[in-house]
Amino acid sequence: MARKSTPFNFEEAMATLEELVEAMEEGELSLEESLKAFEQGIKLTRECQSALEKAEQKVQLLVKSDGLPEAEDFDDPGDDEGVE
């Protein structure tokens, strides 16, 4: 029987990452537990990065197909560097 994969939930992955970081920062994990937490954190980080990349690609495709302007770099209005 084929194993059903559950859909990736970005928010749950981020919450789990936060929990892992907190547990590791507390310093009460054994070396083995810390390594397992680190390994799980790396896996979740890669999955989150992949999900973000896919979302960005989807947004860019939607923008192109709707005839709207191309995506541009974000210009932070709080960044007044060079402006007097």
PDB file of N, CA and C in Angstrom:
ATOM      1  N   MET A   1       0.837  -1.167   0.000  1.00  0.00           N
ATOM      2  CA  MET A   1       0.000   0.000   0.000  1.00  0.00           C
ATOM      3  C   MET A   1       0.889   1.239   0.000  1.00  0.00           C
ATOM      4  N   ALA A   2       0.545   2.241  -0.823  1.00  0.00           N
ATOM      5  CA  ALA A   2       1.327   3.472  -0.900  1.00  0.00           C
ATOM      6  C   ALA A   2       1.085   4.323   0.339  1.00  0.00           C
ATOM      7  N   ARG A   3       2.148   4.907   0.818  1.00  0.00           N
ATOM      8  CA  ARG A   3       2.059   5.757   1.991  1.00  0.00           C
ATOM      9  C   ARG A   3       1.594   7.153   1.571  1.00  0.00           C
ATOM     10  N   LYS A   4       0.555   7.649   2.209  1.00  0.00           N
ATOM     11  CA  LYS A   4       0.057   8.987   1.890  1.00  0.00           C
ATOM     12  C   LYS A   4       0.938  10.011   2.585  1.00  0.00           C
ATOM     13  N   SER A   5       1.354  11.016   1.821  1.00  0.00           N
ATOM     14  CA  SER A   5       2.147  12.065   2.435  1.00  0.00           C
ATOM     15  C   SER A   5       1.224  13.216   2.814  1.00  0.00           C
ATOM     16  N   THR A   6       1.454  13.758   3.993  1.00  0.00           N
ATOM     17  CA  THR A   6       0.650  14.885   4.429  1.00  0.00           C
ATOM     18  C   THR A   6       1.203  16.145   3.785  1.00  0.00           C
ATOM     19  N   PRO A   7       0.342  17.108   3.466  1.00  0.00           N
ATOM     20  CA  PRO A   7       0.824  18.336   2.848  1.00  0.00           C
ATOM     21  C   PRO A   7       1.717  19.111   3.815  1.00  0.00           C
ATOM     22  N   PHE A   8       2.701  19.778   3.266  1.00  0.00           N
ATOM     23  CA  PHE A   8       3.636  20.550   4.079  1.00  0.00           C
ATOM     24  C   PHE A   8       2.925  21.778   4.637  1.00  0.00           C
ATOM     25  N   ASN A   9       3.060  22.006   5.932  1.00  0.00           N
ATOM     26  CA  ASN A   9       2.462  23.165   6.580  1.00  0.00           C
ATOM     27  C   ASN A   9       3.586  24.081   7.049  1.00  0.00           C
ATOM     28  N   PHE A  10       3.743  25.197   6.348  1.00  0.00           N
ATOM     29  CA  PHE A  10       4.838  26.128   6.619  1.00  0.00           C
ATOM     30  C   PHE A  10       4.791  26.652   8.055  1.00  0.00           C
ATOM     31  N   GLU A  11       3.608  27.054   8.495  1.00  0.00           N
ATOM     32  CA  GLU A  11       3.475  27.634   9.835  1.00  0.00           C
ATOM     33  C   GLU A  11       3.834  26.623  10.929  1.00  0.00           C
ATOM     34  N   GLU A  12       3.409  25.379  10.752  1.00  0.00           N
ATOM     35  CA  GLU A  12       3.750  24.345  11.738  1.00  0.00           C
ATOM     36  C   GLU A  12       5.252  24.080  11.743  1.00  0.00           C
ATOM     37  N   ALA A  13       5.858  24.076  10.566  1.00  0.00           N
ATOM     38  CA  ALA A  13       7.299  23.852  10.476  1.00  0.00           C
ATOM     39  C   ALA A  13       8.060  24.968  11.178  1.00  0.00           C
ATOM     40  N   MET A  14       7.620  26.214  10.993  1.00  0.00           N
ATOM     41  CA  MET A  14       8.286  27.338  11.652  1.00  0.00           C
ATOM     42  C   MET A  14       8.122  27.259  13.175  1.00  0.00           C
ATOM     43  N   ALA A  15       6.938  26.863  13.626  1.00  0.00           N
ATOM     44  CA  ALA A  15       6.706  26.727  15.066  1.00  0.00           C
ATOM     45  C   ALA A  15       7.608  25.637  15.651  1.00  0.00           C
ATOM     46  N   THR A  16       7.750  24.536  14.929  1.00  0.00           N
ATOM     47  CA  THR A  16       8.615  23.448  15.379  1.00  0.00           C
ATOM     48  C   THR A  16      10.065  23.909  15.425  1.00  0.00           C
ATOM     49  N   LEU A  17      10.480  24.673  14.408  1.00  0.00           N
ATOM     50  CA  LEU A  17      11.845  25.215  14.399  1.00  0.00           C
ATOM     51  C   LEU A  17      12.089  26.099  15.624  1.00  0.00           C
ATOM     52  N   GLU A  18      11.125  26.945  15.940  1.00  0.00           N
ATOM     53  CA  GLU A  18      11.258  27.815  17.111  1.00  0.00           C
ATOM     54  C   GLU A  18      11.400  26.992  18.391  1.00  0.00           C
ATOM     55  N   GLU A  19      10.616  25.928  18.506  1.00  0.00           N
ATOM     56  CA  GLU A  19      10.701  25.057  19.682  1.00  0.00           C
ATOM     57  C   GLU A  19      12.073  24.387  19.770  1.00  0.00           C
ATOM     58  N   LEU A  20      12.576  23.927  18.623  1.00  0.00           N
ATOM     59  CA  LEU A  20      13.889  23.281  18.602  1.00  0.00           C
ATOM     60  C   LEU A  20      14.979  24.250  19.035  1.00  0.00           C
ATOM     61  N   VAL A  21      14.923  25.466  18.522  1.00  0.00           N
ATOM     62  CA  VAL A  21      15.928  26.472  18.870  1.00  0.00           C
ATOM     63  C   VAL A  21      15.878  26.778  20.354  1.00  0.00           C
ATOM     64  N   GLU A  22      14.678  26.957  20.888  1.00  0.00           N
ATOM     65  CA  GLU A  22      14.537  27.237  22.322  1.00  0.00           C
ATOM     66  C   GLU A  22      15.112  26.107  23.166  1.00  0.00           C
ATOM     67  N   ALA A  23      14.808  24.875  22.798  1.00  0.00           N
ATOM     68  CA  ALA A  23      15.305  23.719  23.553  1.00  0.00           C
ATOM     69  C   ALA A  23      16.831  23.660  23.508  1.00  0.00           C
ATOM     70  N   MET A  24      17.393  23.960  22.340  1.00  0.00           N
ATOM     71  CA  MET A  24      18.849  23.911  22.217  1.00  0.00           C
ATOM     72  C   MET A  24      19.499  25.070  22.969  1.00  0.00           C
ATOM     73  N   GLU A  25      18.855  26.236  22.951  1.00  0.00           N
ATOM     74  CA  GLU A  25      19.417  27.395  23.663  1.00  0.00           C
ATOM     75  C   GLU A  25      19.399  27.210  25.174  1.00  0.00           C
ATOM     76  N   GLU A  26      18.431  26.457  25.673  1.00  0.00           N
ATOM     77  CA  GLU A  26      18.357  26.215  27.113  1.00  0.00           C
ATOM     78  C   GLU A  26      19.551  25.398  27.599  1.00  0.00           C
ATOM     79  N   GLY A  27      20.154  24.633  26.703  1.00  0.00           N
ATOM     80  CA  GLY A  27      21.353  23.886  27.045  1.00  0.00           C
ATOM     81  C   GLY A  27      21.127  22.666  27.909  1.00  0.00           C
ATOM     82  N   GLU A  28      19.902  22.203  28.012  1.00  0.00           N
ATOM     83  CA  GLU A  28      19.612  21.060  28.869  1.00  0.00           C
ATOM     84  C   GLU A  28      19.501  19.752  28.098  1.00  0.00           C
ATOM     85  N   LEU A  29      19.707  19.807  26.776  1.00  0.00           N
ATOM     86  CA  LEU A  29      19.650  18.589  25.963  1.00  0.00           C
ATOM     87  C   LEU A  29      21.000  17.881  26.015  1.00  0.00           C
ATOM     88  N   SER A  30      20.951  16.577  25.943  1.00  0.00           N
ATOM     89  CA  SER A  30      22.201  15.827  25.862  1.00  0.00           C
ATOM     90  C   SER A  30      22.802  16.062  24.474  1.00  0.00           C
ATOM     91  N   LEU A  31      24.022  15.627  24.291  1.00  0.00           N
ATOM     92  CA  LEU A  31      24.664  15.782  22.987  1.00  0.00           C
ATOM     93  C   LEU A  31      23.868  15.064  21.910  1.00  0.00           C
ATOM     94  N   GLU A  32      23.419  13.856  22.209  1.00  0.00           N
ATOM     95  CA  GLU A  32      22.647  13.083  21.233  1.00  0.00           C
ATOM     96  C   GLU A  32      21.327  13.777  20.903  1.00  0.00           C
ATOM     97  N   GLU A  33      20.655  14.283  21.926  1.00  0.00           N
ATOM     98  CA  GLU A  33      19.395  14.996  21.699  1.00  0.00           C
ATOM     99  C   GLU A  33      19.625  16.273  20.904  1.00  0.00           C
ATOM    100  N   SER A  34      20.717  16.960  21.191  1.00  0.00           N
ATOM    101  CA  SER A  34      21.048  18.183  20.461  1.00  0.00           C
ATOM    102  C   SER A  34      21.313  17.892  18.994  1.00  0.00           C
ATOM    103  N   LEU A  35      22.021  16.804  18.727  1.00  0.00           N
ATOM    104  CA  LEU A  35      22.298  16.436  17.336  1.00  0.00           C
ATOM    105  C   LEU A  35      21.016  16.080  16.585  1.00  0.00           C
ATOM    106  N   LYS A  36      20.117  15.360  17.261  1.00  0.00           N
ATOM    107  CA  LYS A  36      18.836  15.022  16.633  1.00  0.00           C
ATOM    108  C   LYS A  36      18.019  16.280  16.366  1.00  0.00           C
ATOM    109  N   ALA A  37      18.004  17.201  17.332  1.00  0.00           N
ATOM    110  CA  ALA A  37      17.269  18.448  17.159  1.00  0.00           C
ATOM    111  C   ALA A  37      17.865  19.263  16.019  1.00  0.00           C
ATOM    112  N   PHE A  38      19.189  19.304  15.946  1.00  0.00           N
ATOM    113  CA  PHE A  38      19.860  20.040  14.876  1.00  0.00           C
ATOM    114  C   PHE A  38      19.533  19.433  13.517  1.00  0.00           C
ATOM    115  N   GLU A  39      19.575  18.109  13.435  1.00  0.00           N
ATOM    116  CA  GLU A  39      19.260  17.421  12.186  1.00  0.00           C
ATOM    117  C   GLU A  39      17.820  17.708  11.756  1.00  0.00           C
ATOM    118  N   GLN A  40      16.888  17.647  12.703  1.00  0.00           N
ATOM    119  CA  GLN A  40      15.492  17.934  12.396  1.00  0.00           C
ATOM    120  C   GLN A  40      15.342  19.400  11.967  1.00  0.00           C
ATOM    121  N   GLY A  41      16.075  20.298  12.620  1.00  0.00           N
ATOM    122  CA  GLY A  41      16.022  21.712  12.269  1.00  0.00           C
ATOM    123  C   GLY A  41      16.529  21.980  10.863  1.00  0.00           C
ATOM    124  N   ILE A  42      17.601  21.311  10.482  1.00  0.00           N
ATOM    125  CA  ILE A  42      18.144  21.468   9.126  1.00  0.00           C
ATOM    126  C   ILE A  42      17.116  20.989   8.106  1.00  0.00           C
ATOM    127  N   LYS A  43      16.495  19.850   8.381  1.00  0.00           N
ATOM    128  CA  LYS A  43      15.483  19.307   7.460  1.00  0.00           C
ATOM    129  C   LYS A  43      14.316  20.282   7.315  1.00  0.00           C
ATOM    130  N   LEU A  44      13.817  20.795   8.430  1.00  0.00           N
ATOM    131  CA  LEU A  44      12.705  21.742   8.384  1.00  0.00           C
ATOM    132  C   LEU A  44      13.093  23.035   7.682  1.00  0.00           C
ATOM    133  N   THR A  45      14.313  23.511   7.915  1.00  0.00           N
ATOM    134  CA  THR A  45      14.788  24.729   7.262  1.00  0.00           C
ATOM    135  C   THR A  45      14.804  24.556   5.756  1.00  0.00           C
ATOM    136  N   ARG A  46      15.293  23.411   5.290  1.00  0.00           N
ATOM    137  CA  ARG A  46      15.330  23.150   3.845  1.00  0.00           C
ATOM    138  C   ARG A  46      13.921  23.069   3.262  1.00  0.00           C
ATOM    139  N   GLU A  47      13.005  22.428   3.992  1.00  0.00           N
ATOM    140  CA  GLU A  47      11.624  22.329   3.519  1.00  0.00           C
ATOM    141  C   GLU A  47      10.966  23.704   3.457  1.00  0.00           C
ATOM    142  N   CYS A  48      11.212  24.537   4.461  1.00  0.00           N
ATOM    143  CA  CYS A  48      10.657  25.896   4.471  1.00  0.00           C
ATOM    144  C   CYS A  48      11.231  26.722   3.321  1.00  0.00           C
ATOM    145  N   GLN A  49      12.534  26.623   3.112  1.00  0.00           N
ATOM    146  CA  GLN A  49      13.173  27.364   2.025  1.00  0.00           C
ATOM    147  C   GLN A  49      12.598  26.937   0.685  1.00  0.00           C
ATOM    148  N   SER A  50      12.397  25.659   0.508  1.00  0.00           N
ATOM    149  CA  SER A  50      11.813  25.142  -0.732  1.00  0.00           C
ATOM    150  C   SER A  50      10.390  25.662  -0.922  1.00  0.00           C
ATOM    151  N   ALA A  51       9.606  25.668   0.152  1.00  0.00           N
ATOM    152  CA  ALA A  51       8.231  26.164   0.077  1.00  0.00           C
ATOM    153  C   ALA A  51       8.211  27.643  -0.285  1.00  0.00           C
ATOM    154  N   LEU A  52       9.130  28.418   0.282  1.00  0.00           N
ATOM    155  CA  LEU A  52       9.211  29.841  -0.039  1.00  0.00           C
ATOM    156  C   LEU A  52       9.606  30.063  -1.491  1.00  0.00           C
ATOM    157  N   GLU A  53      10.546  29.270  -1.979  1.00  0.00           N
ATOM    158  CA  GLU A  53      10.966  29.396  -3.376  1.00  0.00           C
ATOM    159  C   GLU A  53       9.808  29.067  -4.323  1.00  0.00           C
ATOM    160  N   LYS A  54       9.058  28.010  -4.007  1.00  0.00           N
ATOM    161  CA  LYS A  54       7.902  27.636  -4.835  1.00  0.00           C
ATOM    162  C   LYS A  54       6.850  28.728  -4.818  1.00  0.00           C
ATOM    163  N   ALA A  55       6.605  29.312  -3.659  1.00  0.00           N
ATOM    164  CA  ALA A  55       5.615  30.391  -3.555  1.00  0.00           C
ATOM    165  C   ALA A  55       6.062  31.596  -4.377  1.00  0.00           C
ATOM    166  N   GLU A  56       7.340  31.921  -4.311  1.00  0.00           N
ATOM    167  CA  GLU A  56       7.862  33.052  -5.083  1.00  0.00           C
ATOM    168  C   GLU A  56       7.708  32.798  -6.581  1.00  0.00           C
ATOM    169  N   GLN A  57       8.017  31.577  -7.018  1.00  0.00           N
ATOM    170  CA  GLN A  57       7.865  31.239  -8.435  1.00  0.00           C
ATOM    171  C   GLN A  57       6.404  31.344  -8.865  1.00  0.00           C
ATOM    172  N   LYS A  58       5.500  30.878  -8.021  1.00  0.00           N
ATOM    173  CA  LYS A  58       4.081  30.927  -8.347  1.00  0.00           C
ATOM    174  C   LYS A  58       3.614  32.376  -8.476  1.00  0.00           C
ATOM    175  N   VAL A  59       4.049  33.229  -7.551  1.00  0.00           N
ATOM    176  CA  VAL A  59       3.676  34.646  -7.608  1.00  0.00           C
ATOM    177  C   VAL A  59       4.197  35.273  -8.895  1.00  0.00           C
ATOM    178  N   GLN A  60       5.445  34.968  -9.237  1.00  0.00           N
ATOM    179  CA  GLN A  60       6.007  35.538 -10.462  1.00  0.00           C
ATOM    180  C   GLN A  60       5.250  35.058 -11.694  1.00  0.00           C
ATOM    181  N   LEU A  61       4.841  33.797 -11.725  1.00  0.00           N
ATOM    182  CA  LEU A  61       4.064  33.290 -12.855  1.00  0.00           C
ATOM    183  C   LEU A  61       2.698  33.969 -12.932  1.00  0.00           C
ATOM    184  N   LEU A  62       2.068  34.143 -11.791  1.00  0.00           N
ATOM    185  CA  LEU A  62       0.766  34.797 -11.764  1.00  0.00           C
ATOM    186  C   LEU A  62       0.869  36.247 -12.232  1.00  0.00           C
ATOM    187  N   VAL A  63       1.917  36.926 -11.807  1.00  0.00           N
ATOM    188  CA  VAL A  63       2.106  38.312 -12.207  1.00  0.00           C
ATOM    189  C   VAL A  63       2.333  38.394 -13.716  1.00  0.00           C
ATOM    190  N   LYS A  64       3.136  37.499 -14.259  1.00  0.00           N
ATOM    191  CA  LYS A  64       3.402  37.494 -15.697  1.00  0.00           C
ATOM    192  C   LYS A  64       2.140  37.177 -16.489  1.00  0.00           C
ATOM    193  N   SER A  65       1.371  36.189 -16.055  1.00  0.00           N
ATOM    194  CA  SER A  65       0.202  35.759 -16.814  1.00  0.00           C
ATOM    195  C   SER A  65      -0.932  36.785 -16.764  1.00  0.00           C
ATOM    196  N   ASP A  66      -0.937  37.647 -15.753  1.00  0.00           N
ATOM    197  CA  ASP A  66      -1.977  38.663 -15.644  1.00  0.00           C
ATOM    198  C   ASP A  66      -1.594  39.957 -16.350  1.00  0.00           C
ATOM    199  N   GLY A  67      -0.411  40.003 -16.937  1.00  0.00           N
ATOM    200  CA  GLY A  67       0.019  41.196 -17.633  1.00  0.00           C
ATOM    201  C   GLY A  67       0.391  42.339 -16.705  1.00  0.00           C
ATOM    202  N   LEU A  68       0.575  42.039 -15.442  1.00  0.00           N
ATOM    203  CA  LEU A  68       0.971  43.060 -14.487  1.00  0.00           C
ATOM    204  C   LEU A  68       2.473  43.279 -14.555  1.00  0.00           C
ATOM    205  N   PRO A  69       2.955  44.336 -13.977  1.00  0.00           N
ATOM    206  CA  PRO A  69       4.404  44.597 -13.992  1.00  0.00           C
ATOM    207  C   PRO A  69       5.191  43.453 -13.376  1.00  0.00           C
ATOM    208  N   GLU A  70       6.419  43.316 -13.807  1.00  0.00           N
ATOM    209  CA  GLU A  70       7.320  42.294 -13.278  1.00  0.00           C
ATOM    210  C   GLU A  70       7.638  42.585 -11.813  1.00  0.00           C
ATOM    211  N   ALA A  71       7.989  41.547 -11.094  1.00  0.00           N
ATOM    212  CA  ALA A  71       8.384  41.700  -9.696  1.00  0.00           C
ATOM    213  C   ALA A  71       9.667  42.509  -9.627  1.00  0.00           C
ATOM    214  N   GLU A  72       9.755  43.378  -8.633  1.00  0.00           N
ATOM    215  CA  GLU A  72      10.939  44.197  -8.446  1.00  0.00           C
ATOM    216  C   GLU A  72      11.468  43.988  -7.038  1.00  0.00           C
ATOM    217  N   ASP A  73      12.718  44.392  -6.825  1.00  0.00           N
ATOM    218  CA  ASP A  73      13.297  44.314  -5.496  1.00  0.00           C
ATOM    219  C   ASP A  73      12.513  45.213  -4.560  1.00  0.00           C
ATOM    220  N   PHE A  74      12.380  44.791  -3.322  1.00  0.00           N
ATOM    221  CA  PHE A  74      11.685  45.564  -2.309  1.00  0.00           C
ATOM    222  C   PHE A  74      12.523  46.769  -1.939  1.00  0.00           C
ATOM    223  N   ASP A  75      11.910  47.955  -1.988  1.00  0.00           N
ATOM    224  CA  ASP A  75      12.584  49.186  -1.600  1.00  0.00           C
ATOM    225  C   ASP A  75      12.037  49.601  -0.257  1.00  0.00           C
ATOM    226  N   ASP A  76      12.838  49.436   0.780  1.00  0.00           N
ATOM    227  CA  ASP A  76      12.403  49.735   2.136  1.00  0.00           C
ATOM    228  C   ASP A  76      12.268  51.242   2.303  1.00  0.00           C
ATOM    229  N   PRO A  77      11.048  51.747   2.554  1.00  0.00           N
ATOM    230  CA  PRO A  77      10.870  53.190   2.711  1.00  0.00           C
ATOM    231  C   PRO A  77      11.601  53.743   3.927  1.00  0.00           C
ATOM    232  N   GLY A  78      11.956  52.902   4.861  1.00  0.00           N
ATOM    233  CA  GLY A  78      12.702  53.344   6.039  1.00  0.00           C
ATOM    234  C   GLY A  78      14.178  53.468   5.777  1.00  0.00           C
ATOM    235  N   ASP A  79      14.609  53.061   4.595  1.00  0.00           N
ATOM    236  CA  ASP A  79      16.023  53.118   4.239  1.00  0.00           C
ATOM    237  C   ASP A  79      16.284  54.421   3.501  1.00  0.00           C
ATOM    238  N   ASP A  80      16.686  55.450   4.255  1.00  0.00           N
ATOM    239  CA  ASP A  80      16.916  56.783   3.672  1.00  0.00           C
ATOM    240  C   ASP A  80      18.391  57.016   3.407  1.00  0.00           C
ATOM    241  N   GLU A  81      19.133  55.965   3.177  1.00  0.00           N
ATOM    242  CA  GLU A  81      20.571  56.090   2.957  1.00  0.00           C
ATOM    243  C   GLU A  81      20.825  56.956   1.739  1.00  0.00           C
ATOM    244  N   GLY A  82      21.653  57.945   1.908  1.00  0.00           N
ATOM    245  CA  GLY A  82      22.005  58.818   0.797  1.00  0.00           C
ATOM    246  C   GLY A  82      21.020  59.953   0.609  1.00  0.00           C
ATOM    247  N   VAL A  83      19.925  59.984   1.370  1.00  0.00           N
ATOM    248  CA  VAL A  83      18.937  61.038   1.241  1.00  0.00           C
ATOM    249  C   VAL A  83      19.111  61.978   2.424  1.00  0.00           C
ATOM    250  N   GLU A  84      19.221  63.271   2.133  1.00  0.00           N
ATOM    251  CA  GLU A  84      19.391  64.238   3.217  1.00  0.00           C
ATOM    252  C   GLU A  84      18.155  65.038   3.421  1.00  0.00           C
TER     253      GLU A  84
END
